[in-house]
Every structure is written in C-alpha cells, then in structure tokens.
Amino acid sequence: KRRALAFGSRPERQCLHTTTALRRPMTSLLRLTNAVVRPITTRTIVPRIAAVRANARLMSTSSKTTLGDHSWRQQNHIWSELEIAERMQTSDLKHVPQNFSELVLQKMVRVAYHTFNFMTGYQHADPPPTSIGYRLIILESVAGVPGMLGGMFRHFRSLRQLERDHGFIFTLLEEAENERMHLIVCMSFFEAGPVTRFVVSAGQLAMTPFLAGLYLVRPQLLHRFVGYLEETAVHTYTNIVTMAETPGTKLHTAWSDVRAPTTAIEYWQMPDDAMWVDCLKRMLADESHHRDVNHALASMPHETLFGDDNPFVHEHMADYEAGVKRRTERVLKRALEEVGGVDANKTRSDKALA
C-alpha cells in the first residue's frame, strides 16, 4: 500500500514514463521521427515553382496583396465617353407616381433628400468640397443595401418554389456590388471620421428592415423606392460634375488637377491619366442605369417579374464578353513583352525575306 502511494498506480506510472520520454533531448526525438517518416521537400509542396511564378505573373492583373480584392468580381459596364454624355443628358428624367403608394415613397425620398442636404451642408448652387465627401460616403453606403436584399429574397424564393429565378438575381447583386465599389472609391478619396462611421452604421441599421418590409409587402415597392432614390443620386452627381468643370466654383478650385484613385482606374478601365471628375462621371452613369433598371422592374406585373426572363441579362452577357476580350488582349500583350515584344528583330523589306 505504501509502495502504491509512493509510486502511484499503473496508469500514473505510464503517464510518468511518457512525460520523461518527452523531456529527452530533441535530437533523439528528431532521430526517431526521421527513422519513421521522411521530411517533405519544397519540391514536393510546390512543383515547378519557376513555371508557376511565370504563369501567375502573366495572368495576374494586380499585386499579390490585393488579389482577393480584384479577382472574381462581377463584370461592370465600362462606359465610353459617348455613353457618359448620353447619360448626363437624362439627368432630368423623373418618374411620375401612378398610385398612392408610389406618391408616398416619392415624398419620403424628397424629405430625406432635403434633410440630407441640410445635415451635410450641401448647397446646390456652389457646394463646398467638405460636404461632398460626407454626402457620397453616406449615400453609397445606403445605396448598396436594396440590391443585396432583393437578390437575397429572390434567392430564397427560388429555393422555396424549387424553380429558377430567370436571371434577376445577378442584376440585383451586380447593382449591390457596383454601389459598394462606389463607396470604396469614395473611401480612397475621402476620409471618414467617427461621426461619419456612426451615421453609416445607423443608416444601414434603419434602412435594412424598412427596405425588407417594402419587399415583403410588394417587391415592386422596393424597386420604385430605389428608382426615386437613384433619381436624387443622378441629380446630385450631375450637379457635382457640372460644378467641378465650371471655372470659379469651389469644386473646380479644389479638384481641377486631382487624379482619379487607382481603384477607380482599375474598376472602370480608365486611362492612367484620368482625373477625379472622370471618376464622378462614371459613377453618375452607373446611378442613371440603376435608376432605369429599378423603375423598369417596379413597372413589371408580378407574373413578369417572377415568371419571365430578365430583360437585362443580355447587357450582362455583353459586358462579360467585352471583359474577356480586354483581359485576353492584356494577357497577349504581356506575353509578347515577356519574349521581347512582337517587333523584336524585325525590319521592313520589299523582298520576299529580310
């Protein structure tokens, strides 16, 4: 009995022996490990590392640290200068409410617009640059909510009904991501303080249940509300662009020589010397497209909205094909540069051979 108390029971002695073995020199443990399992070499983990790096360098469009932010994004529309000019000419197009519910939604947006102007210090005649940053950050943070909500509800409906969605989910998710990219572009140009971040969080907390309620009552109400909201956004962006291009205004003085952020240049495929006002024009064009899409969806009867094909799916297909063409051209150009260029060792001659 005294012996058992002194040395412990059999399981306790086994545990003691195990602990002692673990305290042996590390060299013995490594010797034992090497005798059982051979170490994995770098060649086994990453085969043909030179070829992998060359292929990654050839196919990548951004640095390694930002690959996750620039890969597998929904293909947005790349606006031409002619399309932007046409979109700016539609800034005064407004939808006339057709029933009481649409009239209420329009009045709500109008009250929110004027209240927002007062809160941000925005003056339509000659807005100061300080009011623009605060305004755009809050506006774009709210504008990215309804598209995601609409896509989520349609996704759940497709699961419940055990049927396809006919392409509407993609349009709504692309709109939500486009608005989020607007916010990211604005954040790369403006700075958001604690008050702005609080207002953004509060606005998202308030708008999410409100917009979800509209969709649950009638999906067309959500799209009509977004259409009215986008009308105010187009109105605001048009005024900002006009003031930024008018000499003598506060925005022209502050932004006349300001370059566009790198994020905006990559997203809209703008020239490297693009200016900040060029970025604002593309945001205006995006908002005008969202305005037209949501008003079109709101005008559809229930059977068409949930039973027919998405009429905008052909736009997405065209944008995707154009994106594939641009990427293929970039990869081909980069591949030619890797081997010295297409004009390397070339000369012009009227003979059959050089």
Protein backbone atom coordinates (compact mmCIF):
# COMPACT_ATOMS: atom_id res chain seq x y z
CA LYS A 1 0.00 0.00 0.00
CA ARG A 2 2.82 2.40 0.93
CA ARG A 3 4.56 1.40 -2.28
CA ALA A 4 1.44 2.24 -4.33
CA LEU A 5 1.14 5.63 -2.66
CA ALA A 6 4.80 6.36 -3.31
CA PHE A 7 4.93 5.44 -6.96
CA GLY A 8 1.27 5.80 -7.95
CA SER A 9 -0.97 3.39 -9.75
CA ARG A 10 -0.13 1.70 -13.03
CA PRO A 11 -1.75 4.37 -15.27
CA GLU A 12 0.01 7.08 -13.29
CA ARG A 13 3.37 5.37 -13.77
CA GLN A 14 2.72 5.12 -17.51
CA CYS A 15 1.98 8.84 -17.61
CA LEU A 16 5.20 9.48 -15.67
CA HIS A 17 7.21 7.45 -18.16
CA THR A 18 5.59 9.32 -21.07
CA THR A 19 6.45 12.69 -19.53
CA THR A 20 10.03 11.57 -19.02
CA ALA A 21 10.27 10.50 -22.64
CA LEU A 22 9.05 13.86 -23.79
CA ARG A 23 11.79 15.52 -21.76
CA ARG A 24 14.55 13.66 -23.58
CA PRO A 25 16.82 15.70 -25.85
CA MET A 26 15.22 16.93 -29.06
CA THR A 27 17.91 15.26 -31.14
CA SER A 28 16.69 11.83 -30.05
CA LEU A 29 13.14 12.73 -30.95
CA LEU A 30 14.19 14.01 -34.36
CA ARG A 31 16.26 10.87 -34.91
CA LEU A 32 13.21 8.77 -34.15
CA THR A 33 11.00 10.86 -36.44
CA ASN A 34 13.44 10.67 -39.34
CA ALA A 35 13.55 6.93 -38.97
CA VAL A 36 9.78 6.67 -39.48
CA VAL A 37 8.74 9.49 -41.85
CA ARG A 38 10.87 11.24 -44.43
CA PRO A 39 10.55 15.03 -44.46
CA ILE A 40 8.58 16.67 -47.27
CA THR A 41 10.77 18.75 -49.53
CA THR A 42 9.92 22.08 -51.08
CA ARG A 43 9.85 20.43 -54.49
CA THR A 44 7.03 18.18 -53.29
CA ILE A 45 4.93 21.10 -52.00
CA VAL A 46 5.42 23.47 -54.93
CA PRO A 47 6.32 21.60 -58.13
CA ARG A 48 7.88 23.59 -60.97
CA ILE A 49 7.96 26.76 -58.92
CA ALA A 50 9.53 28.80 -61.72
CA ALA A 51 6.75 27.88 -64.14
CA VAL A 52 4.08 28.63 -61.55
CA ARG A 53 5.53 32.05 -60.81
CA ALA A 54 5.84 32.88 -64.50
CA ASN A 55 2.23 31.86 -65.16
CA ALA A 56 0.98 33.85 -62.16
CA ARG A 57 2.93 36.89 -63.31
CA LEU A 58 1.43 36.51 -66.77
CA MET A 59 -2.19 36.10 -65.68
CA SER A 60 -2.36 38.41 -62.69
CA THR A 61 -3.79 41.92 -63.01
CA SER A 62 -2.93 43.17 -59.53
CA SER A 63 -0.35 42.73 -56.83
CA LYS A 64 -0.31 39.70 -54.57
CA THR A 65 -1.50 41.60 -51.53
CA THR A 66 -4.67 42.82 -53.26
CA LEU A 67 -5.51 39.75 -55.33
CA GLY A 68 -8.57 38.95 -53.24
CA ASP A 69 -9.99 42.43 -53.77
CA HIS A 70 -9.59 42.38 -57.55
CA SER A 71 -10.46 38.80 -58.52
CA TRP A 72 -13.78 37.20 -59.43
CA ARG A 73 -15.69 40.45 -59.31
CA GLN A 74 -18.99 40.87 -61.13
CA GLN A 75 -18.31 42.41 -64.52
CA ASN A 76 -19.45 46.01 -64.52
CA HIS A 77 -20.20 48.05 -67.61
CA ILE A 78 -17.25 50.03 -68.99
CA TRP A 79 -18.65 53.37 -70.07
CA SER A 80 -17.46 55.17 -73.18
CA GLU A 81 -17.34 58.95 -73.37
CA LEU A 82 -20.31 58.97 -75.74
CA GLU A 83 -22.39 56.84 -73.37
CA ILE A 84 -21.49 59.11 -70.45
CA ALA A 85 -22.60 62.18 -72.40
CA GLU A 86 -25.90 60.47 -73.23
CA ARG A 87 -26.42 59.53 -69.59
CA MET A 88 -25.78 63.06 -68.41
CA GLN A 89 -28.49 64.30 -70.76
CA THR A 90 -31.03 62.05 -68.97
CA SER A 91 -30.37 63.56 -65.55
CA ASP A 92 -33.68 65.44 -65.63
CA LEU A 93 -35.83 62.36 -66.32
CA LYS A 94 -38.18 61.70 -63.40
CA HIS A 95 -40.88 59.09 -62.85
CA VAL A 96 -44.40 60.35 -62.12
CA PRO A 97 -46.13 58.39 -59.31
CA GLN A 98 -49.06 56.34 -60.58
CA ASN A 99 -50.78 55.48 -57.30
CA PHE A 100 -50.91 56.46 -53.66
CA SER A 101 -48.15 54.11 -52.51
CA GLU A 102 -45.72 55.45 -55.11
CA LEU A 103 -46.64 59.01 -54.16
CA VAL A 104 -45.84 58.26 -50.51
CA LEU A 105 -42.48 56.74 -51.46
CA GLN A 106 -41.60 59.75 -53.60
CA LYS A 107 -42.48 62.16 -50.77
CA MET A 108 -40.33 60.15 -48.36
CA VAL A 109 -37.33 60.33 -50.69
CA ARG A 110 -37.90 64.05 -51.22
CA VAL A 111 -37.99 64.76 -47.48
CA ALA A 112 -34.89 62.62 -46.95
CA TYR A 113 -33.10 64.46 -49.79
CA HIS A 114 -33.67 67.94 -48.36
CA THR A 115 -32.92 66.77 -44.81
CA PHE A 116 -29.69 65.23 -46.04
CA ASN A 117 -28.74 68.47 -47.79
CA PHE A 118 -29.19 70.37 -44.54
CA MET A 119 -27.22 67.84 -42.48
CA THR A 120 -24.26 67.70 -44.86
CA GLY A 121 -24.17 71.41 -45.66
CA TYR A 122 -24.67 70.70 -49.35
CA GLN A 123 -25.50 73.76 -51.46
CA HIS A 124 -26.72 73.11 -54.97
CA ALA A 125 -25.52 76.48 -56.33
CA ASP A 126 -21.88 76.06 -55.26
CA PRO A 127 -21.30 73.08 -52.94
CA PRO A 128 -18.12 73.06 -50.82
CA PRO A 129 -15.80 70.04 -51.20
CA THR A 130 -16.16 69.16 -47.50
CA SER A 131 -19.87 68.48 -47.92
CA ILE A 132 -19.33 66.18 -50.91
CA GLY A 133 -17.21 63.56 -49.16
CA TYR A 134 -19.58 63.19 -46.21
CA ARG A 135 -22.56 63.06 -48.56
CA LEU A 136 -21.18 60.50 -51.01
CA ILE A 137 -19.97 58.11 -48.32
CA ILE A 138 -23.36 58.00 -46.61
CA LEU A 139 -25.27 57.91 -49.92
CA GLU A 140 -23.29 54.99 -51.36
CA SER A 141 -23.34 53.04 -48.09
CA VAL A 142 -27.16 53.14 -48.14
CA ALA A 143 -27.48 52.56 -51.90
CA GLY A 144 -25.72 49.20 -51.61
CA VAL A 145 -28.40 47.75 -49.32
CA PRO A 146 -31.51 47.24 -51.55
CA GLY A 147 -29.75 45.29 -54.30
CA MET A 148 -28.40 42.76 -51.84
CA LEU A 149 -31.77 42.48 -50.10
CA GLY A 150 -33.62 41.99 -53.38
CA GLY A 151 -31.15 39.35 -54.53
CA MET A 152 -31.38 37.58 -51.18
CA PHE A 153 -35.19 37.47 -51.24
CA ARG A 154 -35.26 36.21 -54.81
CA HIS A 155 -32.66 33.58 -53.92
CA PHE A 156 -34.79 32.34 -51.01
CA ARG A 157 -37.90 32.37 -53.21
CA SER A 158 -36.13 30.26 -55.82
CA LEU A 159 -35.26 27.74 -53.11
CA ARG A 160 -38.80 27.68 -51.69
CA GLN A 161 -40.52 27.42 -55.07
CA LEU A 162 -37.99 24.86 -56.36
CA GLU A 163 -37.64 26.79 -59.61
CA ARG A 164 -35.21 29.04 -61.43
CA ASP A 165 -35.01 32.81 -60.98
CA HIS A 166 -34.59 33.60 -64.71
CA GLY A 167 -31.55 35.82 -64.22
CA PHE A 168 -32.86 38.58 -61.94
CA ILE A 169 -30.59 37.70 -59.00
CA PHE A 170 -27.48 38.53 -60.99
CA THR A 171 -28.76 42.01 -61.88
CA LEU A 172 -29.52 42.85 -58.26
CA LEU A 173 -26.22 41.51 -56.93
CA GLU A 174 -24.28 43.36 -59.62
CA GLU A 175 -26.06 46.55 -58.60
CA ALA A 176 -25.19 45.99 -54.94
CA GLU A 177 -21.53 45.35 -55.76
CA ASN A 178 -21.41 48.37 -58.04
CA GLU A 179 -22.69 50.60 -55.25
CA ARG A 180 -20.17 49.07 -52.86
CA MET A 181 -17.39 49.83 -55.33
CA HIS A 182 -18.61 53.43 -55.44
CA LEU A 183 -18.18 53.52 -51.68
CA ILE A 184 -14.69 52.00 -51.89
CA VAL A 185 -13.70 54.58 -54.49
CA CYS A 186 -15.03 57.39 -52.30
CA MET A 187 -13.16 55.97 -49.29
CA SER A 188 -9.92 56.06 -51.30
CA PHE A 189 -10.51 59.77 -51.92
CA PHE A 190 -12.23 60.99 -48.76
CA GLU A 191 -11.68 60.17 -45.09
CA ALA A 192 -14.48 59.05 -42.78
CA GLY A 193 -14.31 60.10 -39.14
CA PRO A 194 -16.07 58.53 -36.15
CA VAL A 195 -19.25 60.56 -36.72
CA THR A 196 -19.49 59.51 -40.36
CA ARG A 197 -18.95 55.86 -39.49
CA PHE A 198 -21.65 56.06 -36.82
CA VAL A 199 -24.11 57.61 -39.28
CA VAL A 200 -23.31 54.89 -41.83
CA SER A 201 -23.97 52.14 -39.29
CA ALA A 202 -27.16 53.81 -38.08
CA GLY A 203 -28.39 54.30 -41.63
CA GLN A 204 -27.78 50.68 -42.51
CA LEU A 205 -29.50 49.55 -39.31
CA ALA A 206 -32.56 51.68 -40.11
CA MET A 207 -32.78 51.09 -43.87
CA THR A 208 -32.38 47.31 -43.86
CA PRO A 209 -35.65 46.44 -42.02
CA PHE A 210 -37.51 49.23 -43.84
CA LEU A 211 -36.47 48.03 -47.30
CA ALA A 212 -37.07 44.40 -46.33
CA GLY A 213 -40.58 45.36 -45.22
CA LEU A 214 -41.25 47.03 -48.56
CA TYR A 215 -40.18 43.91 -50.42
CA LEU A 216 -42.30 41.64 -48.24
CA VAL A 217 -45.38 43.81 -48.80
CA ARG A 218 -44.80 44.14 -52.55
CA PRO A 219 -41.47 43.69 -54.34
CA GLN A 220 -42.29 46.45 -56.82
CA LEU A 221 -42.40 48.96 -53.95
CA LEU A 222 -38.75 48.33 -53.15
CA HIS A 223 -37.70 48.85 -56.76
CA ARG A 224 -39.79 52.01 -57.06
CA PHE A 225 -38.25 53.42 -53.89
CA VAL A 226 -34.76 52.67 -55.23
CA GLY A 227 -35.70 54.30 -58.53
CA TYR A 228 -36.66 57.52 -56.74
CA LEU A 229 -33.52 57.33 -54.63
CA GLU A 230 -31.39 56.95 -57.75
CA GLU A 231 -33.09 59.97 -59.30
CA THR A 232 -31.76 62.12 -56.47
CA ALA A 233 -28.33 60.47 -56.82
CA VAL A 234 -28.20 61.27 -60.55
CA HIS A 235 -29.32 64.82 -59.80
CA THR A 236 -26.56 65.20 -57.20
CA TYR A 237 -23.80 63.68 -59.34
CA THR A 238 -24.78 65.79 -62.35
CA ASN A 239 -24.55 68.95 -60.28
CA ILE A 240 -21.20 67.88 -58.79
CA VAL A 241 -19.73 67.15 -62.23
CA THR A 242 -21.06 70.43 -63.61
CA MET A 243 -19.62 72.44 -60.72
CA ALA A 244 -16.28 70.59 -60.92
CA GLU A 245 -15.94 71.54 -64.60
CA THR A 246 -17.06 75.17 -64.14
CA PRO A 247 -14.13 77.55 -63.50
CA GLY A 248 -14.51 79.73 -60.44
CA THR A 249 -16.52 77.26 -58.36
CA LYS A 250 -15.29 75.71 -55.12
CA LEU A 251 -15.21 72.22 -56.60
CA HIS A 252 -13.26 73.34 -59.67
CA THR A 253 -10.71 75.10 -57.49
CA ALA A 254 -10.25 72.02 -55.30
CA TRP A 255 -10.46 69.22 -57.90
CA SER A 256 -9.34 70.64 -61.25
CA ASP A 257 -5.92 68.94 -61.05
CA VAL A 258 -6.79 65.92 -58.87
CA ARG A 259 -6.10 62.48 -60.34
CA ALA A 260 -8.57 59.61 -60.12
CA PRO A 261 -7.81 56.94 -57.49
CA THR A 262 -6.14 53.75 -58.66
CA THR A 263 -9.17 51.75 -57.58
CA ALA A 264 -11.40 53.76 -59.90
CA ILE A 265 -8.97 53.46 -62.82
CA GLU A 266 -8.92 49.68 -62.48
CA TYR A 267 -12.67 49.29 -61.94
CA TRP A 268 -13.82 51.42 -64.90
CA GLN A 269 -10.75 50.70 -67.07
CA MET A 270 -9.95 54.40 -67.35
CA PRO A 271 -6.70 55.82 -68.75
CA ASP A 272 -3.80 56.16 -66.33
CA ASP A 273 -4.04 59.95 -66.50
CA ALA A 274 -7.78 60.03 -65.68
CA MET A 275 -8.95 62.78 -63.36
CA TRP A 276 -11.28 62.66 -60.36
CA VAL A 277 -14.08 64.27 -62.36
CA ASP A 278 -13.85 61.39 -64.87
CA CYS A 279 -14.50 59.03 -61.99
CA LEU A 280 -17.53 61.07 -60.91
CA LYS A 281 -18.94 60.89 -64.45
CA ARG A 282 -18.82 57.11 -64.39
CA MET A 283 -20.49 56.98 -61.02
CA LEU A 284 -23.21 59.22 -62.48
CA ALA A 285 -23.65 56.83 -65.42
CA ASP A 286 -23.90 53.84 -63.08
CA GLU A 287 -26.55 55.57 -60.95
CA SER A 288 -28.59 56.51 -64.01
CA HIS A 289 -28.55 52.88 -65.13
CA HIS A 290 -29.69 51.73 -61.69
CA ARG A 291 -32.47 54.31 -61.87
CA ASP A 292 -33.75 52.95 -65.17
CA VAL A 293 -33.42 49.30 -64.14
CA ASN A 294 -35.31 49.69 -60.87
CA HIS A 295 -38.11 51.75 -62.43
CA ALA A 296 -38.43 49.07 -65.11
CA LEU A 297 -38.61 46.30 -62.51
CA ALA A 298 -41.16 48.28 -60.49
CA SER A 299 -43.39 48.65 -63.55
CA MET A 300 -43.49 44.91 -64.25
CA PRO A 301 -46.54 42.91 -63.18
CA HIS A 302 -45.96 40.12 -60.69
CA GLU A 303 -46.19 37.41 -63.36
CA THR A 304 -43.50 39.08 -65.46
CA LEU A 305 -41.23 39.94 -62.53
CA PHE A 306 -41.17 36.34 -61.32
CA GLY A 307 -42.12 34.32 -64.39
CA ASP A 308 -40.31 35.77 -67.41
CA ASP A 309 -36.64 36.13 -68.27
CA ASN A 310 -34.68 39.10 -67.00
CA PRO A 311 -34.72 41.68 -69.84
CA PHE A 312 -31.31 42.98 -68.75
CA VAL A 313 -29.49 39.65 -68.92
CA HIS A 314 -28.20 40.44 -72.41
CA GLU A 315 -26.40 43.50 -71.04
CA HIS A 316 -24.56 41.32 -68.54
CA MET A 317 -23.58 38.89 -71.28
CA ALA A 318 -22.24 41.70 -73.46
CA ASP A 319 -20.29 43.22 -70.55
CA TYR A 320 -18.81 39.81 -69.72
CA GLU A 321 -17.74 39.15 -73.31
CA ALA A 322 -16.18 42.61 -73.53
CA GLY A 323 -14.33 41.96 -70.26
CA VAL A 324 -13.00 38.64 -71.55
CA LYS A 325 -11.78 40.36 -74.72
CA ARG A 326 -9.98 43.07 -72.75
CA ARG A 327 -8.35 40.54 -70.44
CA THR A 328 -7.25 38.36 -73.36
CA GLU A 329 -5.67 41.36 -75.06
CA ARG A 330 -3.81 42.29 -71.86
CA VAL A 331 -2.52 38.74 -71.39
CA LEU A 332 -1.38 38.55 -75.02
CA LYS A 333 0.36 41.92 -74.79
CA ARG A 334 2.11 40.90 -71.58
CA ALA A 335 3.17 37.58 -73.09
CA LEU A 336 4.71 39.35 -76.07
CA GLU A 337 6.55 41.70 -73.74
CA GLU A 338 7.94 38.69 -71.84
CA VAL A 339 9.60 37.37 -75.02
CA GLY A 340 10.90 40.75 -76.16
CA GLY A 341 7.92 42.19 -77.98
CA VAL A 342 6.29 41.48 -81.31
CA ASP A 343 8.66 43.87 -83.12
CA ALA A 344 11.86 42.34 -81.78
CA ASN A 345 14.41 41.57 -84.52
CA LYS A 346 12.02 42.87 -87.19
CA THR A 347 12.70 45.06 -90.22
CA ARG A 348 10.74 46.26 -93.23
CA SER A 349 11.70 44.99 -96.67
CA ASP A 350 10.11 44.77 -100.14
CA LYS A 351 11.84 41.42 -100.67
CA ALA A 352 10.32 38.02 -100.02
CA LEU A 353 12.60 37.65 -96.99
CA ALA A 354 14.67 40.07 -94.93
